[in-house]
């Protein structure tokens, strides 16, 4: 079992957040396995410079299946099926100095 922290952009992130999406196509550069945890962090791509930012929303899921069927997927890619564990939203707080 491993924990993988991954960037995910909208609308894909929104669908996982809402529980509508339970699978993710990813390049298998991390040796994903059943029972691994994915920490999906919402990411907004940047402008032409490529600089983006995390929004503070995070979804934690547990991998239930890793499909690497060679006929249906490009070499090196896997389809990860998962179930939703938790959704977290970091809220910025402002501090007023007295």
Protein backbone atom coordinates (compact mmCIF):
# COMPACT_ATOMS: atom_id res chain seq x y z
CA UNK A 1 0.00 0.00 0.00
CA UNK A 2 1.31 3.42 -0.99
CA UNK A 3 0.04 6.99 -0.94
CA UNK A 4 0.29 8.97 -4.18
CA UNK A 5 -0.31 12.71 -4.29
CA UNK A 6 -1.50 13.76 -7.75
CA UNK A 7 -2.56 16.98 -9.46
CA UNK A 8 -6.04 16.87 -11.00
CA UNK A 9 -7.62 19.66 -13.04
CA UNK A 10 -11.28 20.65 -13.34
CA UNK A 11 -13.70 19.40 -14.61
CA UNK A 12 -12.18 16.00 -13.77
CA UNK A 13 -11.56 16.99 -10.16
CA UNK A 14 -15.12 18.33 -9.77
CA UNK A 15 -16.58 15.02 -10.90
CA UNK A 16 -14.51 13.08 -8.35
CA UNK A 17 -15.40 15.67 -5.66
CA UNK A 18 -19.12 15.16 -6.40
CA UNK A 19 -18.79 11.35 -6.48
CA UNK A 20 -19.67 11.11 -10.20
CA UNK A 21 -16.24 9.90 -11.32
CA UNK A 22 -14.75 6.69 -9.90
CA UNK A 23 -11.92 5.98 -12.33
CA UNK A 24 -8.82 7.78 -13.51
CA UNK A 25 -6.59 7.21 -16.54
CA UNK A 26 -2.96 7.78 -15.58
CA UNK A 27 0.53 7.10 -16.82
CA UNK A 28 1.86 4.34 -14.58
CA UNK A 29 5.08 6.02 -13.48
CA UNK A 30 4.40 5.18 -9.82
CA UNK A 31 3.60 1.45 -9.96
CA UNK A 32 0.00 1.94 -8.83
CA UNK A 33 -1.55 -1.03 -7.01
CA UNK A 34 -4.85 -2.12 -5.48
CA UNK A 35 -5.32 -0.65 -1.98
CA UNK A 36 -3.08 2.34 -2.73
CA UNK A 37 -4.42 5.72 -1.66
CA UNK A 38 -4.61 8.62 -4.09
CA UNK A 39 -4.61 12.15 -2.74
CA UNK A 40 -6.04 14.13 -5.64
CA UNK A 41 -5.32 17.85 -5.32
CA UNK A 42 -7.28 20.29 -7.47
CA UNK A 43 -4.93 22.25 -9.70
CA UNK A 44 -5.65 25.20 -11.96
CA UNK A 45 -3.30 25.31 -14.93
CA UNK A 46 -1.44 28.55 -15.42
CA UNK A 47 -1.12 30.88 -18.31
CA UNK A 48 1.34 30.49 -21.19
CA UNK A 49 4.24 30.36 -18.72
CA UNK A 50 2.86 27.08 -17.38
CA UNK A 51 2.69 28.26 -13.78
CA UNK A 52 -0.45 27.05 -12.04
CA UNK A 53 -1.79 26.87 -8.52
CA UNK A 54 -3.49 24.48 -6.12
CA UNK A 55 -6.99 25.52 -5.06
CA UNK A 56 -6.94 23.93 -1.60
CA UNK A 57 -9.51 21.24 -2.42
CA UNK A 58 -8.37 17.64 -1.97
CA UNK A 59 -10.09 14.28 -2.46
CA UNK A 60 -8.76 11.05 -0.95
CA UNK A 61 -9.63 7.79 -2.70
CA UNK A 62 -8.64 4.13 -2.41
CA UNK A 63 -7.69 2.16 -5.54
CA UNK A 64 -9.85 -0.94 -6.12
CA UNK A 65 -8.54 -2.02 -9.54
CA UNK A 66 -5.58 -1.30 -11.82
CA UNK A 67 -6.29 -2.16 -15.47
CA UNK A 68 -3.38 -2.24 -17.89
CA UNK A 69 -5.13 -4.08 -20.72
CA UNK A 70 -2.68 -3.66 -23.61
CA UNK A 71 -5.23 -3.57 -26.44
CA UNK A 72 -7.37 -0.75 -25.02
CA UNK A 73 -4.73 1.47 -23.45
CA UNK A 74 -1.64 3.20 -24.72
CA UNK A 75 1.59 1.60 -23.55
CA UNK A 76 2.46 2.66 -19.98
CA UNK A 77 -1.04 3.86 -19.06
CA UNK A 78 -3.45 2.30 -16.57
CA UNK A 79 -7.09 2.80 -15.67
CA UNK A 80 -7.42 3.17 -11.90
CA UNK A 81 -10.81 2.39 -10.36
CA UNK A 82 -11.38 3.77 -6.88
CA UNK A 83 -13.85 4.58 -4.14
CA UNK A 84 -14.16 7.92 -2.41
CA UNK A 85 -12.86 8.24 1.17
CA UNK A 86 -12.94 11.95 1.99
CA UNK A 87 -13.14 15.45 0.54
CA UNK A 88 -11.23 18.25 2.20
CA UNK A 89 -11.22 21.98 1.57
CA UNK A 90 -8.55 24.20 3.05
CA UNK A 91 -9.97 27.56 3.95
CA UNK A 92 -7.77 30.59 4.14
CA UNK A 93 -8.17 32.59 7.29
CA UNK A 94 -7.13 36.14 7.75
CA UNK A 95 -5.50 37.32 10.93
CA UNK A 96 -6.02 40.87 12.10
CA UNK A 97 -3.26 42.34 14.21
CA UNK A 98 -4.46 44.44 17.12
